[in-house]
Amino acid sequence: MGSESDAGALLAAGSEAMLEAAFRTGDFLPAWQLLEGARRQACETEQLVEEAAALCRLGMLAHFAAIGGDLRRADWATEERLFTAALRIQREAGDAAGAAESLFGLGLVHQVLRGDWATAMPFYTEALELAERYADEMVRSEVHRHIGFFHVFVAGDSERGLRHLRMSQVLRERYGDPRRIATGTLALGEAELTAGNLPEALRLLREAVHQARKAGLSAQRIGWAEHALSDAERAAA
């Protein structure tokens, strides 16, 4: 029982450390140490669900680190291997919620790192089907968010995309993490700007800057929100 508790505790602590690194500190080493410890402990005690979750979070950790730097240098193949290994275990173990998260991760690899929406969208579509039935609000929010991006920024169907992005934000607010709420407001504001809804875009992007500062997000993330607001203000001038 103690070993099982240790793996779960390491996984929870590592997941939180990952978010702190991604949204505030930029220091990913503590999160990697905790998540790798969770993976090893789960392997030793044959906890398949926890092992897969640790692999998935290690993939997500690598992804967060990549988007904070030069995407051209991102090691997308390693991310893909981590998410694929997690998904294989989750399918074998019947962990539908975990599979939704790993499928989403595979979508990120292809969309964000490789610029390949055609490969990413089937992963996102399957992830959404599972997430809506089994996953928590945050996983559901993330999948809706990226499907929304596709419809707004790639397919040119702003109305459909905004429905996904608004649902994503509702789920974020229900989940209650101010770090994620701020980034969701930013995404929705950028989509409203692309759709030509300038007054709503300005309102949301001003709120995104305020939320990012209040949540203590990193200078880089605050800068992303400030840059988007500047774009909207220039469009309104």
C-alpha atoms as a PDB file:
ATOM      1  CA  MET A   1       0.000   0.000   0.000  1.00  0.00           C
ATOM      2  CA  GLY A   2       2.862   2.357   0.832  1.00  0.00           C
ATOM      3  CA  SER A   3       4.491   1.939  -2.582  1.00  0.00           C
ATOM      4  CA  GLU A   4       1.195   2.542  -4.340  1.00  0.00           C
ATOM      5  CA  SER A   5       0.647   5.691  -2.298  1.00  0.00           C
ATOM      6  CA  ASP A   6       4.191   6.837  -3.093  1.00  0.00           C
ATOM      7  CA  ALA A   7       3.622   6.519  -6.849  1.00  0.00           C
ATOM      8  CA  GLY A   8       0.348   8.421  -6.688  1.00  0.00           C
ATOM      9  CA  ALA A   9       1.828  11.131  -4.474  1.00  0.00           C
ATOM     10  CA  LEU A  10       4.810  11.574  -6.776  1.00  0.00           C
ATOM     11  CA  LEU A  11       2.509  11.786  -9.782  1.00  0.00           C
ATOM     12  CA  ALA A  12       0.324  14.446  -8.155  1.00  0.00           C
ATOM     13  CA  ALA A  13       3.311  16.480  -6.980  1.00  0.00           C
ATOM     14  CA  GLY A  14       5.001  16.183 -10.362  1.00  0.00           C
ATOM     15  CA  SER A  15       1.889  17.279 -12.220  1.00  0.00           C
ATOM     16  CA  GLU A  16       1.584  20.401 -10.074  1.00  0.00           C
ATOM     17  CA  ALA A  17       5.305  21.153 -10.411  1.00  0.00           C
ATOM     18  CA  MET A  18       4.921  20.821 -14.180  1.00  0.00           C
ATOM     19  CA  LEU A  19       2.169  23.448 -14.249  1.00  0.00           C
ATOM     20  CA  GLU A  20       4.150  25.811 -12.044  1.00  0.00           C
ATOM     21  CA  ALA A  21       7.123  25.474 -14.379  1.00  0.00           C
ATOM     22  CA  ALA A  22       5.012  25.899 -17.505  1.00  0.00           C
ATOM     23  CA  PHE A  23       3.015  28.891 -16.329  1.00  0.00           C
ATOM     24  CA  ARG A  24       5.236  30.641 -13.788  1.00  0.00           C
ATOM     25  CA  THR A  25       8.822  29.604 -13.080  1.00  0.00           C
ATOM     26  CA  GLY A  26      10.244  27.982 -16.215  1.00  0.00           C
ATOM     27  CA  ASP A  27      12.178  25.496 -14.045  1.00  0.00           C
ATOM     28  CA  PHE A  28      11.190  22.045 -15.310  1.00  0.00           C
ATOM     29  CA  LEU A  29      13.812  19.946 -13.503  1.00  0.00           C
ATOM     30  CA  PRO A  30      11.858  19.417 -10.231  1.00  0.00           C
ATOM     31  CA  ALA A  31       8.806  18.292 -12.202  1.00  0.00           C
ATOM     32  CA  TRP A  32      10.873  15.872 -14.294  1.00  0.00           C
ATOM     33  CA  GLN A  33      12.437  14.353 -11.172  1.00  0.00           C
ATOM     34  CA  LEU A  34       9.043  13.828  -9.533  1.00  0.00           C
ATOM     35  CA  LEU A  35       7.371  12.411 -12.645  1.00  0.00           C
ATOM     36  CA  GLU A  36      10.285  10.138 -13.482  1.00  0.00           C
ATOM     37  CA  GLY A  37      10.204   8.934  -9.868  1.00  0.00           C
ATOM     38  CA  ALA A  38       6.486   8.226 -10.223  1.00  0.00           C
ATOM     39  CA  ARG A  39       7.121   6.274 -13.426  1.00  0.00           C
ATOM     40  CA  ARG A  40       9.840   4.137 -11.814  1.00  0.00           C
ATOM     41  CA  GLN A  41       7.763   3.483  -8.696  1.00  0.00           C
ATOM     42  CA  ALA A  42       4.725   2.525 -10.771  1.00  0.00           C
ATOM     43  CA  CYS A  43       6.828   0.154 -12.898  1.00  0.00           C
ATOM     44  CA  GLU A  44       8.284  -1.528  -9.824  1.00  0.00           C
ATOM     45  CA  THR A  45       4.828  -2.037  -8.272  1.00  0.00           C
ATOM     46  CA  GLU A  46       3.119  -2.917 -11.584  1.00  0.00           C
ATOM     47  CA  GLN A  47       0.637  -0.049 -11.432  1.00  0.00           C
ATOM     48  CA  LEU A  48      -0.218   0.248 -15.109  1.00  0.00           C
ATOM     49  CA  VAL A  49      -2.546   3.242 -14.889  1.00  0.00           C
ATOM     50  CA  GLU A  50      -0.047   5.258 -12.843  1.00  0.00           C
ATOM     51  CA  GLU A  51       2.830   4.257 -15.127  1.00  0.00           C
ATOM     52  CA  ALA A  52       0.904   5.423 -18.172  1.00  0.00           C
ATOM     53  CA  ALA A  53      -0.106   8.660 -16.466  1.00  0.00           C
ATOM     54  CA  ALA A  54       3.529   9.365 -15.614  1.00  0.00           C
ATOM     55  CA  LEU A  55       4.584   8.724 -19.225  1.00  0.00           C
ATOM     56  CA  CYS A  56       1.831  11.017 -20.484  1.00  0.00           C
ATOM     57  CA  ARG A  57       2.795  13.799 -18.061  1.00  0.00           C
ATOM     58  CA  LEU A  58       6.460  13.434 -19.041  1.00  0.00           C
ATOM     59  CA  GLY A  59       5.354  13.955 -22.632  1.00  0.00           C
ATOM     60  CA  MET A  60       3.359  17.006 -21.602  1.00  0.00           C
ATOM     61  CA  LEU A  61       6.314  18.304 -19.608  1.00  0.00           C
ATOM     62  CA  ALA A  62       8.489  18.065 -22.709  1.00  0.00           C
ATOM     63  CA  HIS A  63       5.793  19.869 -24.674  1.00  0.00           C
ATOM     64  CA  PHE A  64       5.516  22.757 -22.225  1.00  0.00           C
ATOM     65  CA  ALA A  65       9.300  23.132 -22.261  1.00  0.00           C
ATOM     66  CA  ALA A  66       9.292  23.140 -26.066  1.00  0.00           C
ATOM     67  CA  ILE A  67       6.661  25.854 -26.513  1.00  0.00           C
ATOM     68  CA  GLY A  68       8.592  28.148 -24.209  1.00  0.00           C
ATOM     69  CA  GLY A  69      11.575  28.032 -26.560  1.00  0.00           C
ATOM     70  CA  ASP A  70      12.411  27.614 -30.246  1.00  0.00           C
ATOM     71  CA  LEU A  71       9.895  25.171 -31.733  1.00  0.00           C
ATOM     72  CA  ARG A  72      12.258  24.429 -34.602  1.00  0.00           C
ATOM     73  CA  ARG A  73      14.557  22.701 -32.101  1.00  0.00           C
ATOM     74  CA  ALA A  74      11.830  20.747 -30.307  1.00  0.00           C
ATOM     75  CA  ASP A  75      12.332  16.998 -29.966  1.00  0.00           C
ATOM     76  CA  TRP A  76       8.926  15.998 -31.260  1.00  0.00           C
ATOM     77  CA  ALA A  77       9.905  12.361 -31.763  1.00  0.00           C
ATOM     78  CA  THR A  78      10.597  11.872 -28.050  1.00  0.00           C
ATOM     79  CA  GLU A  79       7.274  13.470 -27.149  1.00  0.00           C
ATOM     80  CA  GLU A  80       5.504  11.211 -29.615  1.00  0.00           C
ATOM     81  CA  ARG A  81       7.156   8.111 -28.122  1.00  0.00           C
ATOM     82  CA  LEU A  82       6.096   9.067 -24.586  1.00  0.00           C
ATOM     83  CA  PHE A  83       2.461   9.712 -25.534  1.00  0.00           C
ATOM     84  CA  THR A  84       2.327   6.580 -27.705  1.00  0.00           C
ATOM     85  CA  ALA A  85       3.730   4.398 -24.898  1.00  0.00           C
ATOM     86  CA  ALA A  86       1.216   5.858 -22.456  1.00  0.00           C
ATOM     87  CA  LEU A  87      -1.672   5.310 -24.868  1.00  0.00           C
ATOM     88  CA  ARG A  88      -0.744   1.671 -25.470  1.00  0.00           C
ATOM     89  CA  ILE A  89      -0.851   0.938 -21.741  1.00  0.00           C
ATOM     90  CA  GLN A  90      -4.051   2.910 -21.243  1.00  0.00           C
ATOM     91  CA  ARG A  91      -5.838   1.018 -23.993  1.00  0.00           C
ATOM     92  CA  GLU A  92      -4.696  -2.309 -22.537  1.00  0.00           C
ATOM     93  CA  ALA A  93      -5.773  -1.253 -19.036  1.00  0.00           C
ATOM     94  CA  GLY A  94      -9.116   0.171 -20.163  1.00  0.00           C
ATOM     95  CA  ASP A  95      -8.220   3.653 -18.883  1.00  0.00           C
ATOM     96  CA  ALA A  96     -10.416   5.793 -21.139  1.00  0.00           C
ATOM     97  CA  ALA A  97      -9.749   9.058 -19.292  1.00  0.00           C
ATOM     98  CA  GLY A  98      -6.018   8.522 -19.556  1.00  0.00           C
ATOM     99  CA  ALA A  99      -6.299   7.590 -23.221  1.00  0.00           C
ATOM    100  CA  ALA A 100      -8.094  10.878 -23.913  1.00  0.00           C
ATOM    101  CA  GLU A 101      -5.162  12.776 -22.416  1.00  0.00           C
ATOM    102  CA  SER A 102      -2.550  10.830 -24.396  1.00  0.00           C
ATOM    103  CA  LEU A 103      -4.498  11.198 -27.641  1.00  0.00           C
ATOM    104  CA  PHE A 104      -4.616  14.922 -26.996  1.00  0.00           C
ATOM    105  CA  GLY A 105      -0.852  14.893 -26.462  1.00  0.00           C
ATOM    106  CA  LEU A 106      -0.319  13.167 -29.798  1.00  0.00           C
ATOM    107  CA  GLY A 107      -2.465  15.831 -31.417  1.00  0.00           C
ATOM    108  CA  LEU A 108      -0.226  18.496 -29.889  1.00  0.00           C
ATOM    109  CA  VAL A 109       2.892  16.834 -31.270  1.00  0.00           C
ATOM    110  CA  HIS A 110       1.578  16.982 -34.817  1.00  0.00           C
ATOM    111  CA  GLN A 111      -0.241  20.311 -34.658  1.00  0.00           C
ATOM    112  CA  VAL A 112       2.095  22.464 -32.592  1.00  0.00           C
ATOM    113  CA  LEU A 113       5.515  20.952 -33.213  1.00  0.00           C
ATOM    114  CA  ARG A 114       5.136  19.632 -36.749  1.00  0.00           C
ATOM    115  CA  GLY A 115       2.492  22.024 -38.120  1.00  0.00           C
ATOM    116  CA  ASP A 116       0.507  19.054 -39.428  1.00  0.00           C
ATOM    117  CA  TRP A 117      -3.160  19.670 -38.708  1.00  0.00           C
ATOM    118  CA  ALA A 118      -4.276  16.840 -41.012  1.00  0.00           C
ATOM    119  CA  THR A 119      -2.535  14.292 -38.781  1.00  0.00           C
ATOM    120  CA  ALA A 120      -3.455  16.065 -35.551  1.00  0.00           C
ATOM    121  CA  MET A 121      -7.213  16.320 -36.034  1.00  0.00           C
ATOM    122  CA  PRO A 122      -8.049  12.577 -35.889  1.00  0.00           C
ATOM    123  CA  PHE A 123      -6.232  12.413 -32.553  1.00  0.00           C
ATOM    124  CA  TYR A 124      -8.148  15.430 -31.261  1.00  0.00           C
ATOM    125  CA  THR A 125     -11.462  14.043 -32.519  1.00  0.00           C
ATOM    126  CA  GLU A 126     -10.966  10.694 -30.783  1.00  0.00           C
ATOM    127  CA  ALA A 127      -9.694  12.471 -27.665  1.00  0.00           C
ATOM    128  CA  LEU A 128     -12.861  14.569 -27.516  1.00  0.00           C
ATOM    129  CA  GLU A 129     -15.115  11.532 -27.841  1.00  0.00           C
ATOM    130  CA  LEU A 130     -13.426   9.900 -24.844  1.00  0.00           C
ATOM    131  CA  ALA A 131     -12.903  13.087 -22.839  1.00  0.00           C
ATOM    132  CA  GLU A 132     -16.555  14.100 -22.955  1.00  0.00           C
ATOM    133  CA  ARG A 133     -17.476  10.771 -21.353  1.00  0.00           C
ATOM    134  CA  TYR A 134     -14.591  10.053 -19.010  1.00  0.00           C
ATOM    135  CA  ALA A 135     -12.094  12.893 -18.482  1.00  0.00           C
ATOM    136  CA  ASP A 136     -12.036  15.860 -16.118  1.00  0.00           C
ATOM    137  CA  GLU A 137     -12.877  19.449 -17.039  1.00  0.00           C
ATOM    138  CA  MET A 138      -9.294  20.421 -17.813  1.00  0.00           C
ATOM    139  CA  VAL A 139      -8.651  17.672 -20.340  1.00  0.00           C
ATOM    140  CA  ARG A 140     -12.015  18.371 -21.964  1.00  0.00           C
ATOM    141  CA  SER A 141     -11.200  22.087 -22.040  1.00  0.00           C
ATOM    142  CA  GLU A 142      -7.850  21.525 -23.746  1.00  0.00           C
ATOM    143  CA  VAL A 143      -9.331  19.334 -26.460  1.00  0.00           C
ATOM    144  CA  HIS A 144     -12.169  21.770 -27.166  1.00  0.00           C
ATOM    145  CA  ARG A 145      -9.598  24.586 -27.279  1.00  0.00           C
ATOM    146  CA  HIS A 146      -7.439  23.013 -29.986  1.00  0.00           C
ATOM    147  CA  ILE A 147     -10.373  21.848 -32.076  1.00  0.00           C
ATOM    148  CA  GLY A 148     -11.623  25.418 -31.820  1.00  0.00           C
ATOM    149  CA  PHE A 149      -8.261  26.683 -33.063  1.00  0.00           C
ATOM    150  CA  PHE A 150      -8.563  24.438 -36.101  1.00  0.00           C
ATOM    151  CA  HIS A 151     -11.976  25.748 -37.091  1.00  0.00           C
ATOM    152  CA  VAL A 152     -11.118  29.424 -36.500  1.00  0.00           C
ATOM    153  CA  PHE A 153      -7.562  29.638 -37.779  1.00  0.00           C
ATOM    154  CA  VAL A 154      -7.352  26.800 -40.329  1.00  0.00           C
ATOM    155  CA  ALA A 155     -10.804  25.915 -41.655  1.00  0.00           C
ATOM    156  CA  GLY A 156     -12.142  29.475 -41.522  1.00  0.00           C
ATOM    157  CA  ASP A 157     -15.319  28.423 -39.690  1.00  0.00           C
ATOM    158  CA  SER A 158     -15.258  31.004 -36.903  1.00  0.00           C
ATOM    159  CA  GLU A 159     -18.747  30.279 -35.627  1.00  0.00           C
ATOM    160  CA  ARG A 160     -18.018  26.601 -35.082  1.00  0.00           C
ATOM    161  CA  GLY A 161     -14.580  27.295 -33.655  1.00  0.00           C
ATOM    162  CA  LEU A 162     -15.864  29.875 -31.200  1.00  0.00           C
ATOM    163  CA  ARG A 163     -18.405  27.390 -29.869  1.00  0.00           C
ATOM    164  CA  HIS A 164     -15.560  25.049 -28.978  1.00  0.00           C
ATOM    165  CA  LEU A 165     -13.444  27.836 -27.480  1.00  0.00           C
ATOM    166  CA  ARG A 166     -16.322  29.187 -25.397  1.00  0.00           C
ATOM    167  CA  MET A 167     -17.026  25.705 -24.080  1.00  0.00           C
ATOM    168  CA  SER A 168     -13.322  25.348 -23.321  1.00  0.00           C
ATOM    169  CA  GLN A 169     -13.421  28.504 -21.229  1.00  0.00           C
ATOM    170  CA  VAL A 170     -16.558  27.438 -19.350  1.00  0.00           C
ATOM    171  CA  LEU A 171     -14.792  24.198 -18.421  1.00  0.00           C
ATOM    172  CA  ARG A 172     -11.644  26.076 -17.372  1.00  0.00           C
ATOM    173  CA  GLU A 173     -13.623  28.360 -15.099  1.00  0.00           C
ATOM    174  CA  ARG A 174     -15.443  25.372 -13.632  1.00  0.00           C
ATOM    175  CA  TYR A 175     -12.084  23.688 -12.963  1.00  0.00           C
ATOM    176  CA  GLY A 176     -10.924  26.845 -11.220  1.00  0.00           C
ATOM    177  CA  ASP A 177      -7.165  27.066 -11.920  1.00  0.00           C
ATOM    178  CA  PRO A 178      -6.379  30.797 -12.468  1.00  0.00           C
ATOM    179  CA  ARG A 179      -3.315  29.913 -14.551  1.00  0.00           C
ATOM    180  CA  ARG A 180      -5.481  28.068 -17.057  1.00  0.00           C
ATOM    181  CA  ILE A 181      -8.331  30.591 -16.926  1.00  0.00           C
ATOM    182  CA  ALA A 182      -5.980  33.385 -17.998  1.00  0.00           C
ATOM    183  CA  THR A 183      -4.615  31.448 -20.965  1.00  0.00           C
ATOM    184  CA  GLY A 184      -8.129  30.429 -21.979  1.00  0.00           C
ATOM    185  CA  THR A 185      -9.286  34.047 -21.977  1.00  0.00           C
ATOM    186  CA  LEU A 186      -6.327  34.915 -24.189  1.00  0.00           C
ATOM    187  CA  ALA A 187      -7.151  32.157 -26.687  1.00  0.00           C
ATOM    188  CA  LEU A 188     -10.787  33.178 -26.857  1.00  0.00           C
ATOM    189  CA  GLY A 189      -9.849  36.835 -27.324  1.00  0.00           C
ATOM    190  CA  GLU A 190      -7.499  36.005 -30.185  1.00  0.00           C
ATOM    191  CA  ALA A 191     -10.212  33.923 -31.842  1.00  0.00           C
ATOM    192  CA  GLU A 192     -12.778  36.711 -31.483  1.00  0.00           C
ATOM    193  CA  LEU A 193     -10.278  39.096 -33.100  1.00  0.00           C
ATOM    194  CA  THR A 194      -9.765  36.715 -36.031  1.00  0.00           C
ATOM    195  CA  ALA A 195     -13.541  36.391 -36.385  1.00  0.00           C
ATOM    196  CA  GLY A 196     -13.843  40.168 -36.648  1.00  0.00           C
ATOM    197  CA  ASN A 197     -15.615  40.645 -33.319  1.00  0.00           C
ATOM    198  CA  LEU A 198     -13.411  43.559 -32.294  1.00  0.00           C
ATOM    199  CA  PRO A 199     -15.260  44.925 -29.235  1.00  0.00           C
ATOM    200  CA  GLU A 200     -15.480  41.455 -27.670  1.00  0.00           C
ATOM    201  CA  ALA A 201     -11.856  40.734 -28.566  1.00  0.00           C
ATOM    202  CA  LEU A 202     -10.703  43.928 -26.846  1.00  0.00           C
ATOM    203  CA  ARG A 203     -12.719  43.134 -23.737  1.00  0.00           C
ATOM    204  CA  LEU A 204     -11.366  39.601 -23.503  1.00  0.00           C
ATOM    205  CA  LEU A 205      -7.755  40.516 -24.224  1.00  0.00           C
ATOM    206  CA  ARG A 206      -7.764  43.270 -21.600  1.00  0.00           C
ATOM    207  CA  GLU A 207      -9.158  40.721 -19.175  1.00  0.00           C
ATOM    208  CA  ALA A 208      -6.512  38.199 -20.238  1.00  0.00           C
ATOM    209  CA  VAL A 209      -3.706  40.655 -19.440  1.00  0.00           C
ATOM    210  CA  HIS A 210      -5.279  41.403 -16.055  1.00  0.00           C
ATOM    211  CA  GLN A 211      -5.773  37.712 -15.255  1.00  0.00           C
ATOM    212  CA  ALA A 212      -2.240  36.792 -16.335  1.00  0.00           C
ATOM    213  CA  ARG A 213      -0.718  39.430 -14.078  1.00  0.00           C
ATOM    214  CA  LYS A 214      -2.999  38.582 -11.160  1.00  0.00           C
ATOM    215  CA  ALA A 215      -2.191  34.860 -11.495  1.00  0.00           C
ATOM    216  CA  GLY A 216       1.541  35.601 -11.407  1.00  0.00           C
ATOM    217  CA  LEU A 217       2.223  34.057 -14.801  1.00  0.00           C
ATOM    218  CA  SER A 218       5.691  34.221 -16.294  1.00  0.00           C
ATOM    219  CA  ALA A 219       6.896  37.351 -18.075  1.00  0.00           C
ATOM    220  CA  GLN A 220       6.745  35.418 -21.342  1.00  0.00           C
ATOM    221  CA  ARG A 221       3.090  34.476 -20.880  1.00  0.00           C
ATOM    222  CA  ILE A 222       2.125  37.974 -19.771  1.00  0.00           C
ATOM    223  CA  GLY A 223       3.962  39.238 -22.834  1.00  0.00           C
ATOM    224  CA  TRP A 224       1.932  36.973 -25.099  1.00  0.00           C
ATOM    225  CA  ALA A 225      -1.275  38.475 -23.706  1.00  0.00           C
ATOM    226  CA  GLU A 226       0.038  42.050 -23.949  1.00  0.00           C
ATOM    227  CA  HIS A 227       1.119  41.481 -27.550  1.00  0.00           C
ATOM    228  CA  ALA A 228      -2.318  40.149 -28.503  1.00  0.00           C
ATOM    229  CA  LEU A 229      -3.983  43.144 -26.862  1.00  0.00           C
ATOM    230  CA  SER A 230      -1.702  45.513 -28.749  1.00  0.00           C
ATOM    231  CA  ASP A 231      -2.709  43.841 -32.016  1.00  0.00           C
ATOM    232  CA  ALA A 232      -6.379  44.319 -31.186  1.00  0.00           C
ATOM    233  CA  GLU A 233      -5.866  47.950 -30.160  1.00  0.00           C
ATOM    234  CA  ARG A 234      -4.080  48.660 -33.448  1.00  0.00           C
ATOM    235  CA  ALA A 235      -6.956  47.041 -35.328  1.00  0.00           C
ATOM    236  CA  ALA A 236      -9.407  49.287 -33.460  1.00  0.00           C
ATOM    237  CA  ALA A 237      -7.450  52.488 -34.072  1.00  0.00           C
END
